[in-house]
PDB file of N, CA and C in Angstrom:
ATOM      1  N   MET A   1       0.840  -1.165   0.000  1.00  0.00           N
ATOM      2  CA  MET A   1       0.000   0.000   0.000  1.00  0.00           C
ATOM      3  C   MET A   1       0.894   1.240   0.000  1.00  0.00           C
ATOM      4  N   THR A   2       0.523   2.238  -0.746  1.00  0.00           N
ATOM      5  CA  THR A   2       1.250   3.498  -0.799  1.00  0.00           C
ATOM      6  C   THR A   2       0.382   4.597  -0.210  1.00  0.00           C
ATOM      7  N   VAL A   3       0.991   5.397   0.644  1.00  0.00           N
ATOM      8  CA  VAL A   3       0.288   6.529   1.242  1.00  0.00           C
ATOM      9  C   VAL A   3       0.780   7.798   0.560  1.00  0.00           C
ATOM     10  N   ASP A   4      -0.124   8.628   0.159  1.00  0.00           N
ATOM     11  CA  ASP A   4       0.217   9.880  -0.497  1.00  0.00           C
ATOM     12  C   ASP A   4       1.026  10.753   0.466  1.00  0.00           C
ATOM     13  N   PRO A   5       2.151  11.317   0.011  1.00  0.00           N
ATOM     14  CA  PRO A   5       2.966  12.172   0.881  1.00  0.00           C
ATOM     15  C   PRO A   5       2.193  13.358   1.462  1.00  0.00           C
ATOM     16  N   GLY A   6       1.164  13.798   0.777  1.00  0.00           N
ATOM     17  CA  GLY A   6       0.339  14.893   1.282  1.00  0.00           C
ATOM     18  C   GLY A   6      -0.325  14.557   2.607  1.00  0.00           C
ATOM     19  N   TYR A   7      -0.590  13.274   2.833  1.00  0.00           N
ATOM     20  CA  TYR A   7      -1.186  12.845   4.097  1.00  0.00           C
ATOM     21  C   TYR A   7      -0.271  13.212   5.258  1.00  0.00           C
ATOM     22  N   PHE A   8       1.014  12.908   5.132  1.00  0.00           N
ATOM     23  CA  PHE A   8       1.965  13.195   6.192  1.00  0.00           C
ATOM     24  C   PHE A   8       2.223  14.694   6.319  1.00  0.00           C
ATOM     25  N   ARG A   9       2.279  15.397   5.200  1.00  0.00           N
ATOM     26  CA  ARG A   9       2.424  16.855   5.267  1.00  0.00           C
ATOM     27  C   ARG A   9       1.279  17.460   6.056  1.00  0.00           C
ATOM     28  N   GLY A  10       0.081  16.953   5.830  1.00  0.00           N
ATOM     29  CA  GLY A  10      -1.089  17.441   6.557  1.00  0.00           C
ATOM     30  C   GLY A  10      -1.002  17.165   8.048  1.00  0.00           C
ATOM     31  N   LEU A  11      -0.519  15.983   8.408  1.00  0.00           N
ATOM     32  CA  LEU A  11      -0.360  15.651   9.829  1.00  0.00           C
ATOM     33  C   LEU A  11       0.597  16.616  10.520  1.00  0.00           C
ATOM     34  N   TYR A  12       1.752  16.871   9.884  1.00  0.00           N
ATOM     35  CA  TYR A  12       2.746  17.752  10.493  1.00  0.00           C
ATOM     36  C   TYR A  12       2.329  19.215  10.410  1.00  0.00           C
ATOM     37  N   ALA A  13       1.493  19.580   9.467  1.00  0.00           N
ATOM     38  CA  ALA A  13       0.976  20.949   9.413  1.00  0.00           C
ATOM     39  C   ALA A  13       0.011  21.199  10.571  1.00  0.00           C
ATOM     40  N   ALA A  14      -0.703  20.158  10.967  1.00  0.00           N
ATOM     41  CA  ALA A  14      -1.684  20.287  12.047  1.00  0.00           C
ATOM     42  C   ALA A  14      -1.039  20.167  13.426  1.00  0.00           C
ATOM     43  N   SER A  15       0.095  19.470  13.526  1.00  0.00           N
ATOM     44  CA  SER A  15       0.746  19.255  14.814  1.00  0.00           C
ATOM     45  C   SER A  15       2.241  19.061  14.594  1.00  0.00           C
ATOM     46  N   SER A  16       3.049  19.670  15.433  1.00  0.00           N
ATOM     47  CA  SER A  16       4.499  19.496  15.294  1.00  0.00           C
ATOM     48  C   SER A  16       4.947  18.096  15.729  1.00  0.00           C
ATOM     49  N   ASP A  17       4.087  17.379  16.434  1.00  0.00           N
ATOM     50  CA  ASP A  17       4.386  16.020  16.891  1.00  0.00           C
ATOM     51  C   ASP A  17       3.110  15.180  16.794  1.00  0.00           C
ATOM     52  N   PRO A  18       2.720  14.793  15.575  1.00  0.00           N
ATOM     53  CA  PRO A  18       1.424  14.128  15.376  1.00  0.00           C
ATOM     54  C   PRO A  18       1.234  12.818  16.143  1.00  0.00           C
ATOM     55  N   TRP A  19       2.299  12.137  16.491  1.00  0.00           N
ATOM     56  CA  TRP A  19       2.174  10.858  17.206  1.00  0.00           C
ATOM     57  C   TRP A  19       2.559  10.968  18.683  1.00  0.00           C
ATOM     58  N   GLY A  20       2.877  12.156  19.145  1.00  0.00           N
ATOM     59  CA  GLY A  20       3.233  12.336  20.546  1.00  0.00           C
ATOM     60  C   GLY A  20       4.512  11.627  20.946  1.00  0.00           C
ATOM     61  N   VAL A  21       5.474  11.566  20.030  1.00  0.00           N
ATOM     62  CA  VAL A  21       6.701  10.832  20.322  1.00  0.00           C
ATOM     63  C   VAL A  21       7.614  11.565  21.294  1.00  0.00           C
ATOM     64  N   ALA A  22       7.491  12.868  21.399  1.00  0.00           N
ATOM     65  CA  ALA A  22       8.393  13.639  22.259  1.00  0.00           C
ATOM     66  C   ALA A  22       8.090  13.461  23.738  1.00  0.00           C
ATOM     67  N   ASP A  23       6.835  13.205  24.075  1.00  0.00           N
ATOM     68  CA  ASP A  23       6.511  13.123  25.502  1.00  0.00           C
ATOM     69  C   ASP A  23       5.544  11.996  25.856  1.00  0.00           C
ATOM     70  N   GLY A  24       5.284  11.116  24.926  1.00  0.00           N
ATOM     71  CA  GLY A  24       4.377  10.001  25.203  1.00  0.00           C
ATOM     72  C   GLY A  24       5.076   8.835  25.885  1.00  0.00           C
ATOM     73  N   TRP A  25       4.434   8.265  26.895  1.00  0.00           N
ATOM     74  CA  TRP A  25       5.000   7.135  27.634  1.00  0.00           C
ATOM     75  C   TRP A  25       5.221   5.942  26.710  1.00  0.00           C
ATOM     76  N   TYR A  26       4.250   5.648  25.884  1.00  0.00           N
ATOM     77  CA  TYR A  26       4.351   4.492  24.999  1.00  0.00           C
ATOM     78  C   TYR A  26       5.569   4.612  24.077  1.00  0.00           C
ATOM     79  N   GLU A  27       5.721   5.783  23.463  1.00  0.00           N
ATOM     80  CA  GLU A  27       6.841   5.984  22.545  1.00  0.00           C
ATOM     81  C   GLU A  27       8.175   5.923  23.281  1.00  0.00           C
ATOM     82  N   ALA A  28       8.257   6.511  24.461  1.00  0.00           N
ATOM     83  CA  ALA A  28       9.501   6.472  25.241  1.00  0.00           C
ATOM     84  C   ALA A  28       9.872   5.025  25.559  1.00  0.00           C
ATOM     85  N   ARG A  29       8.890   4.239  25.934  1.00  0.00           N
ATOM     86  CA  ARG A  29       9.144   2.825  26.246  1.00  0.00           C
ATOM     87  C   ARG A  29       9.558   2.063  24.989  1.00  0.00           C
ATOM     88  N   LYS A  30       8.875   2.317  23.886  1.00  0.00           N
ATOM     89  CA  LYS A  30       9.206   1.644  22.632  1.00  0.00           C
ATOM     90  C   LYS A  30      10.637   1.975  22.197  1.00  0.00           C
ATOM     91  N   TYR A  31      11.031   3.224  22.326  1.00  0.00           N
ATOM     92  CA  TYR A  31      12.385   3.613  21.945  1.00  0.00           C
ATOM     93  C   TYR A  31      13.414   2.985  22.877  1.00  0.00           C
ATOM     94  N   ALA A  32      13.130   2.944  24.174  1.00  0.00           N
ATOM     95  CA  ALA A  32      14.049   2.317  25.123  1.00  0.00           C
ATOM     96  C   ALA A  32      14.227   0.841  24.807  1.00  0.00           C
ATOM     97  N   LEU A  33      13.143   0.161  24.476  1.00  0.00           N
ATOM     98  CA  LEU A  33      13.229  -1.256  24.110  1.00  0.00           C
ATOM     99  C   LEU A  33      14.000  -1.439  22.805  1.00  0.00           C
ATOM    100  N   SER A  34      13.760  -0.570  21.847  1.00  0.00           N
ATOM    101  CA  SER A  34      14.476  -0.650  20.566  1.00  0.00           C
ATOM    102  C   SER A  34      15.975  -0.513  20.778  1.00  0.00           C
ATOM    103  N   LEU A  35      16.375   0.448  21.604  1.00  0.00           N
ATOM    104  CA  LEU A  35      17.796   0.646  21.881  1.00  0.00           C
ATOM    105  C   LEU A  35      18.375  -0.545  22.647  1.00  0.00           C
ATOM    106  N   ALA A  36      17.605  -1.094  23.563  1.00  0.00           N
ATOM    107  CA  ALA A  36      18.069  -2.241  24.343  1.00  0.00           C
ATOM    108  C   ALA A  36      18.260  -3.482  23.477  1.00  0.00           C
ATOM    109  N   LEU A  37      17.540  -3.572  22.384  1.00  0.00           N
ATOM    110  CA  LEU A  37      17.645  -4.730  21.491  1.00  0.00           C
ATOM    111  C   LEU A  37      18.851  -4.681  20.563  1.00  0.00           C
ATOM    112  N   LEU A  38      19.482  -3.535  20.458  1.00  0.00           N
ATOM    113  CA  LEU A  38      20.660  -3.442  19.603  1.00  0.00           C
ATOM    114  C   LEU A  38      21.769  -4.301  20.203  1.00  0.00           C
ATOM    115  N   PRO A  39      22.377  -5.172  19.404  1.00  0.00           N
ATOM    116  CA  PRO A  39      23.343  -6.125  19.952  1.00  0.00           C
ATOM    117  C   PRO A  39      24.675  -5.521  20.383  1.00  0.00           C
ATOM    118  N   ARG A  40      25.019  -4.347  19.848  1.00  0.00           N
ATOM    119  CA  ARG A  40      26.298  -3.737  20.227  1.00  0.00           C
ATOM    120  C   ARG A  40      26.053  -2.412  20.935  1.00  0.00           C
ATOM    121  N   GLU A  41      27.003  -2.048  21.766  1.00  0.00           N
ATOM    122  CA  GLU A  41      26.907  -0.779  22.491  1.00  0.00           C
ATOM    123  C   GLU A  41      27.169   0.410  21.570  1.00  0.00           C
ATOM    124  N   ARG A  42      28.051   0.216  20.598  1.00  0.00           N
ATOM    125  CA  ARG A  42      28.486   1.321  19.744  1.00  0.00           C
ATOM    126  C   ARG A  42      28.539   0.868  18.292  1.00  0.00           C
ATOM    127  N   TYR A  43      28.197   1.787  17.390  1.00  0.00           N
ATOM    128  CA  TYR A  43      28.221   1.529  15.946  1.00  0.00           C
ATOM    129  C   TYR A  43      29.002   2.645  15.265  1.00  0.00           C
ATOM    130  N   GLU A  44      29.789   2.268  14.277  1.00  0.00           N
ATOM    131  CA  GLU A  44      30.540   3.271  13.519  1.00  0.00           C
ATOM    132  C   GLU A  44      29.587   4.147  12.718  1.00  0.00           C
ATOM    133  N   ALA A  45      28.607   3.524  12.066  1.00  0.00           N
ATOM    134  CA  ALA A  45      27.659   4.264  11.246  1.00  0.00           C
ATOM    135  C   ALA A  45      26.298   3.570  11.284  1.00  0.00           C
ATOM    136  N   ALA A  46      25.253   4.376  11.156  1.00  0.00           N
ATOM    137  CA  ALA A  46      23.893   3.829  11.159  1.00  0.00           C
ATOM    138  C   ALA A  46      22.993   4.680  10.269  1.00  0.00           C
ATOM    139  N   PHE A  47      21.894   4.071   9.859  1.00  0.00           N
ATOM    140  CA  PHE A  47      20.893   4.750   9.041  1.00  0.00           C
ATOM    141  C   PHE A  47      19.540   4.575   9.710  1.00  0.00           C
ATOM    142  N   GLU A  48      18.823   5.667   9.865  1.00  0.00           N
ATOM    143  CA  GLU A  48      17.485   5.638  10.459  1.00  0.00           C
ATOM    144  C   GLU A  48      16.473   6.197   9.455  1.00  0.00           C
ATOM    145  N   PRO A  49      15.749   5.341   8.763  1.00  0.00           N
ATOM    146  CA  PRO A  49      14.713   5.834   7.853  1.00  0.00           C
ATOM    147  C   PRO A  49      13.466   6.226   8.640  1.00  0.00           C
ATOM    148  N   GLY A  50      12.772   7.236   8.184  1.00  0.00           N
ATOM    149  CA  GLY A  50      11.528   7.641   8.828  1.00  0.00           C
ATOM    150  C   GLY A  50      11.750   8.191  10.224  1.00  0.00           C
ATOM    151  N   CYS A  51      12.671   9.137  10.361  1.00  0.00           N
ATOM    152  CA  CYS A  51      13.064   9.626  11.686  1.00  0.00           C
ATOM    153  C   CYS A  51      12.041  10.547  12.350  1.00  0.00           C
ATOM    154  N   SER A  52      11.023  10.967  11.636  1.00  0.00           N
ATOM    155  CA  SER A  52      10.021  11.887  12.174  1.00  0.00           C
ATOM    156  C   SER A  52      10.710  13.125  12.751  1.00  0.00           C
ATOM    157  N   ILE A  53      10.432  13.479  13.984  1.00  0.00           N
ATOM    158  CA  ILE A  53      10.962  14.714  14.564  1.00  0.00           C
ATOM    159  C   ILE A  53      12.290  14.519  15.291  1.00  0.00           C
ATOM    160  N   GLY A  54      12.880  13.344  15.194  1.00  0.00           N
ATOM    161  CA  GLY A  54      14.228  13.117  15.680  1.00  0.00           C
ATOM    162  C   GLY A  54      14.380  12.706  17.135  1.00  0.00           C
ATOM    163  N   VAL A  55      13.322  12.240  17.761  1.00  0.00           N
ATOM    164  CA  VAL A  55      13.428  11.819  19.163  1.00  0.00           C
ATOM    165  C   VAL A  55      14.317  10.582  19.285  1.00  0.00           C
ATOM    166  N   LEU A  56      14.040   9.552  18.516  1.00  0.00           N
ATOM    167  CA  LEU A  56      14.897   8.365  18.528  1.00  0.00           C
ATOM    168  C   LEU A  56      16.271   8.705  17.952  1.00  0.00           C
ATOM    169  N   THR A  57      16.323   9.590  16.999  1.00  0.00           N
ATOM    170  CA  THR A  57      17.585  10.016  16.398  1.00  0.00           C
ATOM    171  C   THR A  57      18.550  10.497  17.475  1.00  0.00           C
ATOM    172  N   ALA A  58      18.053  11.328  18.363  1.00  0.00           N
ATOM    173  CA  ALA A  58      18.895  11.865  19.442  1.00  0.00           C
ATOM    174  C   ALA A  58      19.422  10.749  20.337  1.00  0.00           C
ATOM    175  N   GLU A  59      18.610   9.742  20.583  1.00  0.00           N
ATOM    176  CA  GLU A  59      19.043   8.607  21.396  1.00  0.00           C
ATOM    177  C   GLU A  59      20.059   7.745  20.647  1.00  0.00           C
ATOM    178  N   LEU A  60      19.803   7.493  19.384  1.00  0.00           N
ATOM    179  CA  LEU A  60      20.728   6.689  18.581  1.00  0.00           C
ATOM    180  C   LEU A  60      22.081   7.376  18.413  1.00  0.00           C
ATOM    181  N   ALA A  61      22.082   8.690  18.316  1.00  0.00           N
ATOM    182  CA  ALA A  61      23.317   9.441  18.091  1.00  0.00           C
ATOM    183  C   ALA A  61      24.353   9.174  19.168  1.00  0.00           C
ATOM    184  N   ALA A  62      23.890   8.939  20.387  1.00  0.00           N
ATOM    185  CA  ALA A  62      24.820   8.666  21.485  1.00  0.00           C
ATOM    186  C   ALA A  62      25.554   7.345  21.299  1.00  0.00           C
ATOM    187  N   ARG A  63      25.039   6.481  20.434  1.00  0.00           N
ATOM    188  CA  ARG A  63      25.644   5.163  20.232  1.00  0.00           C
ATOM    189  C   ARG A  63      26.288   5.000  18.860  1.00  0.00           C
ATOM    190  N   CYS A  64      26.309   6.086  18.076  1.00  0.00           N
ATOM    191  CA  CYS A  64      26.818   6.007  16.704  1.00  0.00           C
ATOM    192  C   CYS A  64      27.889   7.062  16.456  1.00  0.00           C
ATOM    193  N   GLY A  65      28.919   6.659  15.735  1.00  0.00           N
ATOM    194  CA  GLY A  65      29.909   7.631  15.299  1.00  0.00           C
ATOM    195  C   GLY A  65      29.337   8.552  14.245  1.00  0.00           C
ATOM    196  N   SER A  66      28.531   7.989  13.363  1.00  0.00           N
ATOM    197  CA  SER A  66      27.884   8.726  12.292  1.00  0.00           C
ATOM    198  C   SER A  66      26.469   8.175  12.133  1.00  0.00           C
ATOM    199  N   LEU A  67      25.497   9.075  12.061  1.00  0.00           N
ATOM    200  CA  LEU A  67      24.098   8.654  11.932  1.00  0.00           C
ATOM    201  C   LEU A  67      23.427   9.466  10.840  1.00  0.00           C
ATOM    202  N   LEU A  68      22.906   8.770   9.848  1.00  0.00           N
ATOM    203  CA  LEU A  68      22.136   9.402   8.781  1.00  0.00           C
ATOM    204  C   LEU A  68      20.668   9.082   9.017  1.00  0.00           C
ATOM    205  N   SER A  69      19.875  10.105   9.253  1.00  0.00           N
ATOM    206  CA  SER A  69      18.439   9.937   9.470  1.00  0.00           C
ATOM    207  C   SER A  69      17.698  10.714   8.413  1.00  0.00           C
ATOM    208  N   CYS A  70      16.556  10.186   7.994  1.00  0.00           N
ATOM    209  CA  CYS A  70      15.797  10.877   6.958  1.00  0.00           C
ATOM    210  C   CYS A  70      14.300  10.716   7.204  1.00  0.00           C
ATOM    211  N   ASP A  71      13.542  11.582   6.586  1.00  0.00           N
ATOM    212  CA  ASP A  71      12.092  11.498   6.613  1.00  0.00           C
ATOM    213  C   ASP A  71      11.585  12.126   5.324  1.00  0.00           C
ATOM    214  N   GLY A  72      10.419  11.747   4.906  1.00  0.00           N
ATOM    215  CA  GLY A  72       9.849  12.259   3.667  1.00  0.00           C
ATOM    216  C   GLY A  72       9.051  13.536   3.829  1.00  0.00           C
ATOM    217  N   THR A  73       8.957  14.044   5.053  1.00  0.00           N
ATOM    218  CA  THR A  73       8.174  15.245   5.304  1.00  0.00           C
ATOM    219  C   THR A  73       9.105  16.358   5.780  1.00  0.00           C
ATOM    220  N   ALA A  74       9.132  17.454   5.041  1.00  0.00           N
ATOM    221  CA  ALA A  74      10.058  18.547   5.325  1.00  0.00           C
ATOM    222  C   ALA A  74       9.887  19.108   6.732  1.00  0.00           C
ATOM    223  N   ASP A  75       8.667  19.262   7.210  1.00  0.00           N
ATOM    224  CA  ASP A  75       8.453  19.782   8.566  1.00  0.00           C
ATOM    225  C   ASP A  75       9.074  18.863   9.610  1.00  0.00           C
ATOM    226  N   ALA A  76       8.952  17.567   9.428  1.00  0.00           N
ATOM    227  CA  ALA A  76       9.547  16.604  10.350  1.00  0.00           C
ATOM    228  C   ALA A  76      11.070  16.710  10.316  1.00  0.00           C
ATOM    229  N   VAL A  77      11.627  16.830   9.133  1.00  0.00           N
ATOM    230  CA  VAL A  77      13.077  16.944   8.990  1.00  0.00           C
ATOM    231  C   VAL A  77      13.584  18.201   9.693  1.00  0.00           C
ATOM    232  N   ARG A  78      12.890  19.316   9.527  1.00  0.00           N
ATOM    233  CA  ARG A  78      13.310  20.552  10.206  1.00  0.00           C
ATOM    234  C   ARG A  78      13.298  20.371  11.729  1.00  0.00           C
ATOM    235  N   SER A  79      12.285  19.725  12.242  1.00  0.00           N
ATOM    236  CA  SER A  79      12.217  19.470  13.689  1.00  0.00           C
ATOM    237  C   SER A  79      13.355  18.558  14.136  1.00  0.00           C
ATOM    238  N   ALA A  80      13.628  17.523  13.349  1.00  0.00           N
ATOM    239  CA  ALA A  80      14.723  16.601  13.686  1.00  0.00           C
ATOM    240  C   ALA A  80      16.063  17.328  13.640  1.00  0.00           C
ATOM    241  N   GLN A  81      16.250  18.175  12.655  1.00  0.00           N
ATOM    242  CA  GLN A  81      17.505  18.932  12.559  1.00  0.00           C
ATOM    243  C   GLN A  81      17.683  19.837  13.773  1.00  0.00           C
ATOM    244  N   ALA A  82      16.619  20.504  14.184  1.00  0.00           N
ATOM    245  CA  ALA A  82      16.701  21.390  15.350  1.00  0.00           C
ATOM    246  C   ALA A  82      16.991  20.582  16.616  1.00  0.00           C
ATOM    247  N   ARG A  83      16.362  19.442  16.756  1.00  0.00           N
ATOM    248  CA  ARG A  83      16.529  18.594  17.952  1.00  0.00           C
ATOM    249  C   ARG A  83      17.951  18.050  18.046  1.00  0.00           C
ATOM    250  N   THR A  84      18.598  17.808  16.914  1.00  0.00           N
ATOM    251  CA  THR A  84      19.909  17.146  16.920  1.00  0.00           C
ATOM    252  C   THR A  84      21.043  18.080  16.514  1.00  0.00           C
ATOM    253  N   ALA A  85      20.783  19.353  16.395  1.00  0.00           N
ATOM    254  CA  ALA A  85      21.791  20.301  15.898  1.00  0.00           C
ATOM    255  C   ALA A  85      23.096  20.283  16.705  1.00  0.00           C
ATOM    256  N   ALA A  86      22.996  20.087  17.999  1.00  0.00           N
ATOM    257  CA  ALA A  86      24.184  20.106  18.852  1.00  0.00           C
ATOM    258  C   ALA A  86      24.880  18.744  18.955  1.00  0.00           C
ATOM    259  N   LEU A  87      24.332  17.736  18.307  1.00  0.00           N
ATOM    260  CA  LEU A  87      24.891  16.392  18.402  1.00  0.00           C
ATOM    261  C   LEU A  87      25.869  16.154  17.255  1.00  0.00           C
ATOM    262  N   SER A  88      27.045  15.676  17.580  1.00  0.00           N
ATOM    263  CA  SER A  88      28.032  15.426  16.528  1.00  0.00           C
ATOM    264  C   SER A  88      27.706  14.126  15.802  1.00  0.00           C
ATOM    265  N   GLY A  89      28.009  14.089  14.542  1.00  0.00           N
ATOM    266  CA  GLY A  89      27.847  12.880  13.756  1.00  0.00           C
ATOM    267  C   GLY A  89      26.484  12.635  13.186  1.00  0.00           C
ATOM    268  N   VAL A  90      25.534  13.514  13.453  1.00  0.00           N
ATOM    269  CA  VAL A  90      24.166  13.315  12.935  1.00  0.00           C
ATOM    270  C   VAL A  90      24.016  14.085  11.638  1.00  0.00           C
TER     271      VAL A  90
END
């Protein structure tokens, strides 16, 4: 199934955090579990597709020498860039 990119643009136009990933308990727990499942403590390089507003990106950056994160929605990318601007390697 393909979702029209306009759908996501609309979500981010209506809310800077459409899924509540920045302060939601469920998302915080999901991200903590995701990080705990990584088999190594440190990675030289990583890729994070669909980074949304960069909440997980900021957590992953602490474990990566270089992290490339992307999203298909410009508003989400701007938020992720602002959230991770002070982090090296992102």
